[in-house]
Amino acid sequence: MTVAPKPLRIAVITPLPVSGIEGGNERHWRSLVAALNGAGHSAELVAVVSPEADLIEVMDSYAMFHAMDLSAFDVVVSGKYPSFMVRHPRHIRHLNHPLRGLYEHYPTDLPLDLPADLLTGIDACGDDVDQLTSWATQQAAERAGDPVVAFPGPFARAVVHRLDRIGRDRDRGLSPSSAWARASRPAAFRPTASPCWWPPAPTGP
């Protein structure tokens, strides 16, 4: 006798813009939730407003996702930054994109280098997300008006890159193709050292 696989309780985690205007990212995740529910699972969209007008707001958003308690779910799927900072033993990262203004859209007229004390401070925080976000928030407040801590700027870029590396490398993401196949077998679903898979850029309009 064939035993039907146990449905999984799945959280699909995504940030929401302060404007409340739904874009492609939000439609993407709603479609995923609908598909998972249609496949017999119990999927829920966990959407959280994530301000990002300045570095302090960005740090608050990173810290907020990092602090989320998702223990009630069997599997967690994260996407757009900073949702991939969530912690869960069965975490699938399906990255839409990082904070582009600090990556490929970083202004070419802004510097990349940081003063030695800020570099030392970042390194001193190591991979401690709570310490890094708290310290970066303090620096942004104390040095308000200094171009180095402006947003965008070299300090914001360095801190976000460090946080993204932590979120990307911690317990590693599972590729969507292998992860969904394994998601129907809860007892066999374990964190692995497989790499984080980044979806390809759209090729059409």
N, C-alpha and C. Protein backbone atom coordinates (compact mmCIF):
# COMPACT_ATOMS: atom_id res chain seq x y z
N MET A 1 0.85 -1.20 0.00
CA MET A 1 0.00 0.00 0.00
C MET A 1 0.88 1.25 0.00
N THR A 2 0.59 2.15 -0.89
CA THR A 2 1.36 3.39 -0.99
C THR A 2 0.84 4.40 0.02
N VAL A 3 1.77 4.94 0.80
CA VAL A 3 1.41 5.94 1.79
C VAL A 3 1.61 7.33 1.19
N ALA A 4 0.57 8.13 1.22
CA ALA A 4 0.67 9.48 0.66
C ALA A 4 1.64 10.32 1.49
N PRO A 5 2.47 11.13 0.83
CA PRO A 5 3.40 11.98 1.59
C PRO A 5 2.66 12.96 2.48
N LYS A 6 3.25 13.23 3.61
CA LYS A 6 2.65 14.16 4.56
C LYS A 6 2.72 15.58 4.01
N PRO A 7 1.62 16.32 3.98
CA PRO A 7 1.69 17.73 3.55
C PRO A 7 2.61 18.52 4.47
N LEU A 8 3.31 19.46 3.90
CA LEU A 8 4.22 20.30 4.67
C LEU A 8 3.59 21.66 4.95
N ARG A 9 3.90 22.20 6.10
CA ARG A 9 3.52 23.59 6.39
C ARG A 9 4.70 24.46 5.98
N ILE A 10 4.46 25.31 4.97
CA ILE A 10 5.54 26.07 4.34
C ILE A 10 5.29 27.56 4.49
N ALA A 11 6.31 28.27 4.94
CA ALA A 11 6.25 29.73 5.01
C ALA A 11 7.04 30.31 3.85
N VAL A 12 6.41 31.15 3.07
CA VAL A 12 7.09 31.88 2.00
C VAL A 12 7.29 33.31 2.50
N ILE A 13 8.54 33.68 2.70
CA ILE A 13 8.88 34.93 3.38
C ILE A 13 9.27 35.99 2.36
N THR A 14 8.66 37.17 2.49
CA THR A 14 9.01 38.25 1.57
C THR A 14 8.84 39.61 2.24
N PRO A 15 9.71 40.56 1.90
CA PRO A 15 9.49 41.93 2.35
C PRO A 15 8.45 42.63 1.49
N LEU A 16 7.78 43.61 2.06
CA LEU A 16 6.83 44.44 1.32
C LEU A 16 7.32 45.88 1.29
N PRO A 17 7.12 46.58 0.18
CA PRO A 17 7.50 47.99 0.14
C PRO A 17 6.58 48.83 1.03
N VAL A 18 7.12 49.92 1.54
CA VAL A 18 6.34 50.80 2.40
C VAL A 18 5.13 51.35 1.65
N SER A 19 5.27 51.54 0.34
CA SER A 19 4.18 52.09 -0.47
C SER A 19 2.96 51.17 -0.51
N GLY A 20 3.18 49.88 -0.28
CA GLY A 20 2.08 48.92 -0.37
C GLY A 20 1.73 48.53 -1.79
N ILE A 21 2.43 49.09 -2.76
CA ILE A 21 2.16 48.78 -4.17
C ILE A 21 2.75 47.41 -4.51
N GLU A 22 1.94 46.53 -5.02
CA GLU A 22 2.38 45.19 -5.36
C GLU A 22 3.05 45.19 -6.72
N GLY A 23 4.25 44.60 -6.77
CA GLY A 23 5.00 44.49 -8.00
C GLY A 23 5.24 43.05 -8.38
N GLY A 24 6.22 42.84 -9.25
CA GLY A 24 6.52 41.49 -9.73
C GLY A 24 6.96 40.55 -8.63
N ASN A 25 7.71 41.07 -7.66
CA ASN A 25 8.18 40.23 -6.57
C ASN A 25 7.00 39.66 -5.77
N GLU A 26 6.05 40.53 -5.44
CA GLU A 26 4.90 40.10 -4.65
C GLU A 26 4.02 39.11 -5.43
N ARG A 27 3.83 39.38 -6.73
CA ARG A 27 3.03 38.46 -7.55
C ARG A 27 3.71 37.10 -7.66
N HIS A 28 5.04 37.13 -7.74
CA HIS A 28 5.81 35.88 -7.83
C HIS A 28 5.55 35.00 -6.62
N TRP A 29 5.62 35.58 -5.43
CA TRP A 29 5.47 34.78 -4.21
C TRP A 29 4.03 34.35 -3.99
N ARG A 30 3.06 35.19 -4.36
CA ARG A 30 1.68 34.77 -4.24
C ARG A 30 1.40 33.58 -5.17
N SER A 31 2.00 33.60 -6.34
CA SER A 31 1.83 32.47 -7.27
C SER A 31 2.46 31.21 -6.71
N LEU A 32 3.62 31.35 -6.07
CA LEU A 32 4.28 30.19 -5.48
C LEU A 32 3.42 29.60 -4.36
N VAL A 33 2.87 30.45 -3.50
CA VAL A 33 2.01 29.97 -2.42
C VAL A 33 0.81 29.22 -3.00
N ALA A 34 0.21 29.78 -4.04
CA ALA A 34 -0.95 29.13 -4.66
C ALA A 34 -0.57 27.77 -5.24
N ALA A 35 0.60 27.69 -5.86
CA ALA A 35 1.04 26.42 -6.45
C ALA A 35 1.32 25.38 -5.37
N LEU A 36 1.93 25.81 -4.27
CA LEU A 36 2.22 24.87 -3.17
C LEU A 36 0.93 24.36 -2.54
N ASN A 37 -0.02 25.26 -2.35
CA ASN A 37 -1.31 24.84 -1.80
C ASN A 37 -2.05 23.92 -2.76
N GLY A 38 -1.91 24.22 -4.05
CA GLY A 38 -2.53 23.37 -5.06
C GLY A 38 -1.93 21.98 -5.10
N ALA A 39 -0.66 21.87 -4.65
CA ALA A 39 0.02 20.57 -4.62
C ALA A 39 -0.28 19.79 -3.34
N GLY A 40 -1.12 20.37 -2.48
CA GLY A 40 -1.52 19.66 -1.28
C GLY A 40 -0.82 20.07 -0.01
N HIS A 41 0.09 21.02 -0.11
CA HIS A 41 0.77 21.51 1.09
C HIS A 41 -0.04 22.64 1.73
N SER A 42 0.40 23.07 2.88
CA SER A 42 -0.22 24.20 3.57
C SER A 42 0.78 25.35 3.58
N ALA A 43 0.70 26.20 2.56
CA ALA A 43 1.66 27.29 2.39
C ALA A 43 1.04 28.61 2.81
N GLU A 44 1.86 29.46 3.37
CA GLU A 44 1.41 30.75 3.87
C GLU A 44 2.40 31.83 3.46
N LEU A 45 1.90 32.93 2.96
CA LEU A 45 2.76 34.06 2.62
C LEU A 45 2.97 34.91 3.88
N VAL A 46 4.22 35.01 4.31
CA VAL A 46 4.57 35.84 5.46
C VAL A 46 5.24 37.09 4.90
N ALA A 47 4.46 38.15 4.74
CA ALA A 47 4.93 39.37 4.10
C ALA A 47 5.04 40.48 5.15
N VAL A 48 6.21 41.09 5.22
CA VAL A 48 6.48 42.08 6.26
C VAL A 48 6.96 43.38 5.61
N VAL A 49 6.36 44.49 6.00
CA VAL A 49 6.79 45.79 5.49
C VAL A 49 8.24 46.04 5.94
N SER A 50 9.09 46.41 4.98
CA SER A 50 10.52 46.57 5.26
C SER A 50 11.00 47.93 4.75
N PRO A 51 11.00 48.94 5.62
CA PRO A 51 11.48 50.27 5.21
C PRO A 51 12.95 50.23 4.80
N GLU A 52 13.32 51.08 3.86
CA GLU A 52 14.72 51.12 3.40
C GLU A 52 15.08 52.51 2.89
N ALA A 53 14.56 53.54 3.55
CA ALA A 53 14.84 54.91 3.11
C ALA A 53 16.25 55.35 3.46
N ASP A 54 16.83 54.75 4.51
CA ASP A 54 18.19 55.10 4.90
C ASP A 54 18.84 53.87 5.52
N LEU A 55 20.10 54.00 5.90
CA LEU A 55 20.83 52.84 6.41
C LEU A 55 20.24 52.32 7.71
N ILE A 56 19.78 53.20 8.56
CA ILE A 56 19.20 52.75 9.83
C ILE A 56 17.96 51.90 9.58
N GLU A 57 17.12 52.31 8.65
CA GLU A 57 15.94 51.51 8.33
C GLU A 57 16.34 50.17 7.72
N VAL A 58 17.34 50.17 6.87
CA VAL A 58 17.80 48.92 6.27
C VAL A 58 18.30 47.97 7.34
N MET A 59 19.08 48.49 8.30
CA MET A 59 19.58 47.64 9.39
C MET A 59 18.43 47.10 10.22
N ASP A 60 17.42 47.92 10.47
CA ASP A 60 16.24 47.46 11.22
C ASP A 60 15.55 46.30 10.49
N SER A 61 15.46 46.42 9.17
CA SER A 61 14.80 45.37 8.39
C SER A 61 15.60 44.07 8.41
N TYR A 62 16.93 44.18 8.26
CA TYR A 62 17.77 42.98 8.34
C TYR A 62 17.61 42.31 9.70
N ALA A 63 17.67 43.11 10.77
CA ALA A 63 17.56 42.57 12.12
C ALA A 63 16.19 41.93 12.35
N MET A 64 15.15 42.54 11.78
CA MET A 64 13.79 42.04 11.96
C MET A 64 13.64 40.64 11.37
N PHE A 65 14.12 40.44 10.15
CA PHE A 65 14.01 39.12 9.54
C PHE A 65 14.87 38.10 10.29
N HIS A 66 16.04 38.53 10.72
CA HIS A 66 16.93 37.62 11.44
C HIS A 66 16.29 37.14 12.74
N ALA A 67 15.45 37.97 13.35
CA ALA A 67 14.85 37.64 14.64
C ALA A 67 13.54 36.86 14.53
N MET A 68 13.04 36.63 13.33
CA MET A 68 11.73 35.98 13.17
C MET A 68 11.74 34.55 13.69
N ASP A 69 10.69 34.17 14.39
CA ASP A 69 10.51 32.81 14.88
C ASP A 69 9.62 32.05 13.89
N LEU A 70 10.23 31.12 13.16
CA LEU A 70 9.50 30.37 12.13
C LEU A 70 9.45 28.89 12.48
N SER A 71 9.58 28.59 13.76
CA SER A 71 9.66 27.20 14.21
C SER A 71 8.36 26.43 13.97
N ALA A 72 7.26 27.13 13.74
CA ALA A 72 5.98 26.44 13.51
C ALA A 72 5.89 25.84 12.11
N PHE A 73 6.84 26.17 11.24
CA PHE A 73 6.79 25.70 9.85
C PHE A 73 7.78 24.56 9.63
N ASP A 74 7.42 23.67 8.68
CA ASP A 74 8.31 22.58 8.30
C ASP A 74 9.42 23.05 7.37
N VAL A 75 9.06 23.98 6.49
CA VAL A 75 9.99 24.49 5.48
C VAL A 75 9.78 25.99 5.35
N VAL A 76 10.86 26.70 5.11
CA VAL A 76 10.79 28.15 4.89
C VAL A 76 11.45 28.46 3.54
N VAL A 77 10.77 29.28 2.75
CA VAL A 77 11.32 29.74 1.46
C VAL A 77 11.49 31.26 1.55
N SER A 78 12.68 31.73 1.30
CA SER A 78 12.93 33.18 1.30
C SER A 78 13.34 33.62 -0.09
N GLY A 79 13.20 34.93 -0.32
CA GLY A 79 13.53 35.44 -1.65
C GLY A 79 14.30 36.73 -1.60
N LYS A 80 13.60 37.82 -1.87
CA LYS A 80 14.24 39.13 -1.95
C LYS A 80 14.85 39.52 -0.59
N TYR A 81 15.98 40.27 -0.69
CA TYR A 81 16.61 40.76 0.53
C TYR A 81 15.61 41.54 1.37
N PRO A 82 15.70 41.62 2.65
CA PRO A 82 16.62 40.83 3.49
C PRO A 82 15.95 39.60 4.08
N SER A 83 14.96 39.03 3.35
CA SER A 83 14.21 37.91 3.92
C SER A 83 15.09 36.68 4.10
N PHE A 84 16.19 36.59 3.33
CA PHE A 84 17.04 35.41 3.46
C PHE A 84 17.85 35.40 4.76
N MET A 85 17.66 36.43 5.61
CA MET A 85 18.33 36.44 6.91
C MET A 85 17.60 35.57 7.93
N VAL A 86 16.41 35.07 7.58
CA VAL A 86 15.68 34.23 8.54
C VAL A 86 16.47 32.96 8.82
N ARG A 87 16.20 32.39 9.98
CA ARG A 87 16.90 31.16 10.40
C ARG A 87 15.91 30.01 10.52
N HIS A 88 16.26 28.91 9.87
CA HIS A 88 15.40 27.72 9.91
C HIS A 88 16.23 26.54 9.40
N PRO A 89 16.09 25.36 10.00
CA PRO A 89 16.89 24.21 9.55
C PRO A 89 16.52 23.71 8.16
N ARG A 90 15.33 24.06 7.69
CA ARG A 90 14.89 23.67 6.34
C ARG A 90 14.57 24.94 5.57
N HIS A 91 15.60 25.61 5.17
CA HIS A 91 15.49 26.95 4.57
C HIS A 91 15.94 26.89 3.12
N ILE A 92 15.03 27.26 2.22
CA ILE A 92 15.33 27.32 0.79
C ILE A 92 15.44 28.78 0.39
N ARG A 93 16.55 29.17 -0.16
CA ARG A 93 16.75 30.54 -0.62
C ARG A 93 16.50 30.60 -2.13
N HIS A 94 15.49 31.32 -2.51
CA HIS A 94 15.13 31.49 -3.93
C HIS A 94 15.28 32.98 -4.21
N LEU A 95 16.53 33.41 -4.32
CA LEU A 95 16.84 34.84 -4.31
C LEU A 95 16.35 35.55 -5.57
N ASN A 96 15.54 36.59 -5.39
CA ASN A 96 15.16 37.46 -6.50
C ASN A 96 16.32 38.39 -6.85
N HIS A 97 16.72 39.18 -5.86
CA HIS A 97 17.87 40.07 -6.05
C HIS A 97 18.26 40.68 -4.71
N PRO A 98 19.54 41.09 -4.60
CA PRO A 98 19.96 41.80 -3.39
C PRO A 98 19.56 43.28 -3.50
N LEU A 99 20.06 44.08 -2.58
CA LEU A 99 19.77 45.52 -2.61
C LEU A 99 20.61 46.14 -3.74
N ARG A 100 19.99 46.31 -4.89
CA ARG A 100 20.73 46.63 -6.11
C ARG A 100 21.48 47.95 -6.04
N GLY A 101 20.94 48.90 -5.25
CA GLY A 101 21.62 50.18 -5.12
C GLY A 101 22.98 50.09 -4.45
N LEU A 102 23.26 48.93 -3.84
CA LEU A 102 24.56 48.70 -3.21
C LEU A 102 25.34 47.61 -3.93
N TYR A 103 24.81 47.19 -5.08
CA TYR A 103 25.49 46.19 -5.91
C TYR A 103 25.67 46.78 -7.31
N GLU A 104 24.97 46.22 -8.30
CA GLU A 104 25.21 46.65 -9.69
C GLU A 104 24.76 48.07 -9.97
N HIS A 105 23.85 48.62 -9.14
CA HIS A 105 23.38 49.99 -9.34
C HIS A 105 24.06 50.97 -8.38
N TYR A 106 25.12 50.53 -7.74
CA TYR A 106 25.85 51.44 -6.85
C TYR A 106 26.45 52.57 -7.68
N PRO A 107 26.20 53.84 -7.30
CA PRO A 107 26.66 54.98 -8.12
C PRO A 107 28.17 54.95 -8.35
N THR A 108 28.55 55.11 -9.61
CA THR A 108 29.97 55.02 -9.95
C THR A 108 30.79 56.20 -9.43
N ASP A 109 30.10 57.29 -9.05
CA ASP A 109 30.83 58.45 -8.54
C ASP A 109 31.05 58.39 -7.02
N LEU A 110 30.56 57.32 -6.38
CA LEU A 110 30.76 57.19 -4.94
C LEU A 110 31.97 56.30 -4.66
N PRO A 111 32.67 56.56 -3.56
CA PRO A 111 33.86 55.76 -3.23
C PRO A 111 33.48 54.37 -2.74
N LEU A 112 34.48 53.49 -2.76
CA LEU A 112 34.32 52.15 -2.23
C LEU A 112 35.09 51.96 -0.92
N ASP A 113 36.15 52.72 -0.74
CA ASP A 113 37.03 52.54 0.41
C ASP A 113 36.42 53.13 1.68
N LEU A 114 36.76 52.50 2.81
CA LEU A 114 36.29 52.94 4.12
C LEU A 114 37.48 53.34 5.00
N PRO A 115 37.25 54.26 5.95
CA PRO A 115 38.29 54.55 6.95
C PRO A 115 38.63 53.28 7.72
N ALA A 116 39.85 53.23 8.22
CA ALA A 116 40.35 52.03 8.90
C ALA A 116 39.50 51.66 10.11
N ASP A 117 38.99 52.66 10.84
CA ASP A 117 38.22 52.34 12.05
C ASP A 117 36.90 51.65 11.73
N LEU A 118 36.28 52.01 10.61
CA LEU A 118 35.03 51.35 10.22
C LEU A 118 35.30 49.94 9.70
N LEU A 119 36.37 49.76 8.97
CA LEU A 119 36.74 48.42 8.52
C LEU A 119 37.01 47.51 9.71
N THR A 120 37.73 48.05 10.68
CA THR A 120 38.03 47.27 11.88
C THR A 120 36.76 46.92 12.64
N GLY A 121 35.83 47.88 12.71
CA GLY A 121 34.57 47.64 13.40
C GLY A 121 33.75 46.55 12.76
N ILE A 122 33.68 46.56 11.43
CA ILE A 122 32.95 45.52 10.71
C ILE A 122 33.57 44.15 10.99
N ASP A 123 34.89 44.08 10.90
CA ASP A 123 35.57 42.81 11.14
C ASP A 123 35.37 42.34 12.58
N ALA A 124 35.34 43.28 13.52
CA ALA A 124 35.17 42.92 14.93
C ALA A 124 33.82 42.28 15.19
N CYS A 125 32.83 42.64 14.40
CA CYS A 125 31.49 42.06 14.58
C CYS A 125 31.42 40.63 14.06
N GLY A 126 32.35 40.26 13.20
CA GLY A 126 32.36 38.91 12.67
C GLY A 126 31.07 38.57 11.96
N ASP A 127 30.52 37.40 12.27
CA ASP A 127 29.27 36.95 11.66
C ASP A 127 28.08 37.09 12.60
N ASP A 128 28.21 37.93 13.61
CA ASP A 128 27.14 38.17 14.57
C ASP A 128 26.19 39.23 14.00
N VAL A 129 25.05 38.78 13.49
CA VAL A 129 24.12 39.69 12.81
C VAL A 129 23.59 40.75 13.77
N ASP A 130 23.23 40.35 14.98
CA ASP A 130 22.69 41.31 15.94
C ASP A 130 23.72 42.38 16.28
N GLN A 131 24.96 41.97 16.49
CA GLN A 131 26.01 42.93 16.82
C GLN A 131 26.30 43.85 15.64
N LEU A 132 26.36 43.30 14.45
CA LEU A 132 26.69 44.10 13.27
C LEU A 132 25.60 45.12 12.96
N THR A 133 24.33 44.70 12.99
CA THR A 133 23.25 45.65 12.69
C THR A 133 23.15 46.73 13.76
N SER A 134 23.35 46.35 15.00
CA SER A 134 23.30 47.33 16.10
C SER A 134 24.44 48.33 16.00
N TRP A 135 25.64 47.81 15.76
CA TRP A 135 26.81 48.68 15.65
C TRP A 135 26.70 49.61 14.43
N ALA A 136 26.27 49.07 13.29
CA ALA A 136 26.14 49.88 12.08
C ALA A 136 25.09 50.98 12.29
N THR A 137 24.00 50.66 12.97
CA THR A 137 22.98 51.66 13.27
C THR A 137 23.57 52.78 14.14
N GLN A 138 24.35 52.40 15.12
CA GLN A 138 24.98 53.39 16.00
C GLN A 138 25.93 54.29 15.22
N GLN A 139 26.72 53.70 14.34
CA GLN A 139 27.66 54.49 13.54
C GLN A 139 26.93 55.46 12.62
N ALA A 140 25.85 55.00 12.00
CA ALA A 140 25.08 55.85 11.09
C ALA A 140 24.48 57.03 11.84
N ALA A 141 24.03 56.80 13.07
CA ALA A 141 23.43 57.87 13.86
C ALA A 141 24.48 58.85 14.36
N GLU A 142 25.60 58.33 14.85
CA GLU A 142 26.64 59.19 15.42
C GLU A 142 27.36 60.01 14.36
N ARG A 143 27.44 59.48 13.13
CA ARG A 143 28.17 60.15 12.06
C ARG A 143 27.23 60.75 11.02
N ALA A 144 26.01 61.00 11.42
CA ALA A 144 25.04 61.58 10.49
C ALA A 144 25.61 62.83 9.83
N GLY A 145 25.47 62.93 8.52
CA GLY A 145 26.02 64.05 7.77
C GLY A 145 27.36 63.75 7.13
N ASP A 146 28.02 62.69 7.60
CA ASP A 146 29.30 62.27 7.01
C ASP A 146 28.99 61.47 5.74
N PRO A 147 29.54 61.86 4.59
CA PRO A 147 29.26 61.14 3.35
C PRO A 147 29.61 59.65 3.41
N VAL A 148 30.53 59.30 4.27
CA VAL A 148 30.95 57.90 4.36
C VAL A 148 29.80 57.01 4.81
N VAL A 149 28.92 57.53 5.68
CA VAL A 149 27.81 56.72 6.18
C VAL A 149 26.49 57.07 5.49
N ALA A 150 26.56 57.84 4.41
CA ALA A 150 25.35 58.17 3.65
C ALA A 150 24.79 56.90 3.00
N PHE A 151 23.54 57.00 2.57
CA PHE A 151 22.89 55.86 1.92
C PHE A 151 22.34 56.30 0.57
N PRO A 152 22.88 55.76 -0.53
CA PRO A 152 23.95 54.76 -0.57
C PRO A 152 25.31 55.39 -0.28
N GLY A 153 26.26 54.56 0.07
CA GLY A 153 27.60 55.01 0.36
C GLY A 153 28.47 53.82 0.70
N PRO A 154 29.76 54.06 0.90
CA PRO A 154 30.69 52.93 1.09
C PRO A 154 30.45 52.13 2.36
N PHE A 155 30.02 52.80 3.44
CA PHE A 155 29.78 52.07 4.68
C PHE A 155 28.55 51.18 4.54
N ALA A 156 27.47 51.74 4.00
CA ALA A 156 26.25 50.94 3.78
C ALA A 156 26.56 49.76 2.88
N ARG A 157 27.33 49.99 1.84
CA ARG A 157 27.68 48.92 0.90
C ARG A 157 28.45 47.81 1.60
N ALA A 158 29.44 48.18 2.39
CA ALA A 158 30.27 47.18 3.06
C ALA A 158 29.48 46.38 4.08
N VAL A 159 28.63 47.06 4.85
CA VAL A 159 27.85 46.36 5.88
C VAL A 159 26.83 45.42 5.26
N VAL A 160 26.11 45.89 4.25
CA VAL A 160 25.10 45.05 3.60
C VAL A 160 25.74 43.86 2.91
N HIS A 161 26.89 44.08 2.27
CA HIS A 161 27.59 42.95 1.64
C HIS A 161 27.97 41.91 2.69
N ARG A 162 28.43 42.36 3.86
CA ARG A 162 28.79 41.41 4.92
C ARG A 162 27.55 40.66 5.41
N LEU A 163 26.45 41.38 5.64
CA LEU A 163 25.22 40.72 6.08
C LEU A 163 24.71 39.72 5.04
N ASP A 164 24.78 40.10 3.77
CA ASP A 164 24.32 39.21 2.72
C ASP A 164 25.17 37.94 2.67
N ARG A 165 26.48 38.09 2.88
CA ARG A 165 27.34 36.91 2.89
C ARG A 165 26.96 35.99 4.04
N ILE A 166 26.69 36.58 5.21
CA ILE A 166 26.29 35.78 6.36
C ILE A 166 24.99 35.03 6.07
N GLY A 167 24.00 35.77 5.56
CA GLY A 167 22.71 35.16 5.26
C GLY A 167 22.78 34.13 4.16
N ARG A 168 23.66 34.35 3.20
CA ARG A 168 23.81 33.42 2.07
C ARG A 168 24.52 32.14 2.49
N ASP A 169 25.56 32.27 3.31
CA ASP A 169 26.40 31.12 3.61
C ASP A 169 25.94 30.31 4.81
N ARG A 170 25.17 30.93 5.71
CA ARG A 170 24.75 30.21 6.90
C ARG A 170 23.81 29.07 6.54
N ASP A 171 24.10 27.87 6.94
CA ASP A 171 23.38 26.63 6.67
C ASP A 171 23.03 26.45 5.18
N ARG A 172 23.60 27.24 4.35
CA ARG A 172 23.52 27.11 2.89
C ARG A 172 22.11 26.97 2.35
N GLY A 173 21.89 27.56 1.18
CA GLY A 173 20.58 27.43 0.55
C GLY A 173 20.50 26.17 -0.27
N LEU A 174 19.31 25.67 -0.49
CA LEU A 174 19.09 24.51 -1.33
C LEU A 174 18.57 24.96 -2.67
N SER A 175 19.01 24.27 -3.73
CA SER A 175 18.52 24.64 -5.05
C SER A 175 17.05 24.31 -5.14
N PRO A 176 16.24 25.17 -5.78
CA PRO A 176 14.80 24.90 -5.89
C PRO A 176 14.50 23.54 -6.50
N SER A 177 15.28 23.13 -7.49
CA SER A 177 14.97 21.88 -8.17
C SER A 177 15.11 20.68 -7.24
N SER A 178 16.21 20.59 -6.50
CA SER A 178 16.39 19.44 -5.62
C SER A 178 15.58 19.59 -4.35
N ALA A 179 15.41 20.82 -3.88
CA ALA A 179 14.74 21.02 -2.59
C ALA A 179 13.27 20.64 -2.66
N TRP A 180 12.58 21.03 -3.75
CA TRP A 180 11.14 20.73 -3.80
C TRP A 180 10.91 19.23 -3.93
N ALA A 181 11.81 18.54 -4.61
CA ALA A 181 11.67 17.09 -4.71
C ALA A 181 11.79 16.46 -3.33
N ARG A 182 12.69 16.99 -2.51
CA ARG A 182 12.91 16.43 -1.19
C ARG A 182 11.87 16.93 -0.18
N ALA A 183 11.19 18.02 -0.49
CA ALA A 183 10.23 18.60 0.46
C ALA A 183 9.05 17.67 0.73
N SER A 184 8.80 16.74 -0.17
CA SER A 184 7.69 15.83 0.05
C SER A 184 8.10 14.67 0.96
N ARG A 185 9.36 14.64 1.38
CA ARG A 185 9.84 13.58 2.26
C ARG A 185 10.43 14.22 3.51
N PRO A 186 9.60 14.65 4.46
CA PRO A 186 10.09 15.38 5.63
C PRO A 186 11.19 14.68 6.38
N ALA A 187 11.12 13.35 6.53
CA ALA A 187 12.12 12.64 7.31
C ALA A 187 13.48 12.69 6.64
N ALA A 188 13.49 12.85 5.30
CA ALA A 188 14.76 12.86 4.59
C ALA A 188 15.29 14.26 4.35
N PHE A 189 14.48 15.26 4.69
CA PHE A 189 14.85 16.65 4.40
C PHE A 189 15.83 17.15 5.46
N ARG A 190 17.07 17.37 5.06
CA ARG A 190 18.10 17.82 5.97
C ARG A 190 18.87 18.98 5.33
N PRO A 191 19.38 19.91 6.14
CA PRO A 191 20.25 20.95 5.58
C PRO A 191 21.47 20.31 4.95
N THR A 192 21.90 20.84 3.83
CA THR A 192 23.09 20.31 3.17
C THR A 192 24.04 21.45 2.85
N ALA A 193 25.20 21.09 2.36
CA ALA A 193 26.19 22.09 2.00
C ALA A 193 26.10 22.45 0.53
N SER A 194 24.94 22.26 -0.09
CA SER A 194 24.77 22.64 -1.48
C SER A 194 24.75 24.15 -1.60
N PRO A 195 25.15 24.69 -2.75
CA PRO A 195 25.28 26.14 -2.89
C PRO A 195 23.94 26.84 -2.98
N CYS A 196 23.98 28.16 -2.79
CA CYS A 196 22.79 28.98 -2.98
C CYS A 196 22.62 29.20 -4.48
N TRP A 197 21.46 28.90 -5.01
CA TRP A 197 21.18 29.03 -6.44
C TRP A 197 20.48 30.35 -6.70
N TRP A 198 21.03 31.12 -7.61
CA TRP A 198 20.49 32.44 -7.95
C TRP A 198 19.71 32.33 -9.25
N PRO A 199 18.41 32.66 -9.25
CA PRO A 199 17.63 32.57 -10.48
C PRO A 199 18.23 33.44 -11.57
N PRO A 200 18.18 32.99 -12.86
CA PRO A 200 18.73 33.79 -13.95
C PRO A 200 17.91 35.06 -14.17
N ALA A 201 18.57 36.06 -14.73
CA ALA A 201 17.89 37.31 -15.03
C ALA A 201 16.88 37.09 -16.16
N PRO A 202 15.77 37.84 -16.17
CA PRO A 202 14.80 37.69 -17.26
C PRO A 202 15.42 38.00 -18.60
N THR A 203 15.02 37.27 -19.61
CA THR A 203 15.56 37.50 -20.95
C THR A 203 14.56 38.24 -21.85
N GLY A 204 13.32 38.32 -21.41
CA GLY A 204 12.30 39.00 -22.20
C GLY A 204 12.00 40.36 -21.68
N PRO A 205 11.01 41.07 -22.25
CA PRO A 205 10.64 42.41 -21.79
C PRO A 205 10.00 42.40 -20.43
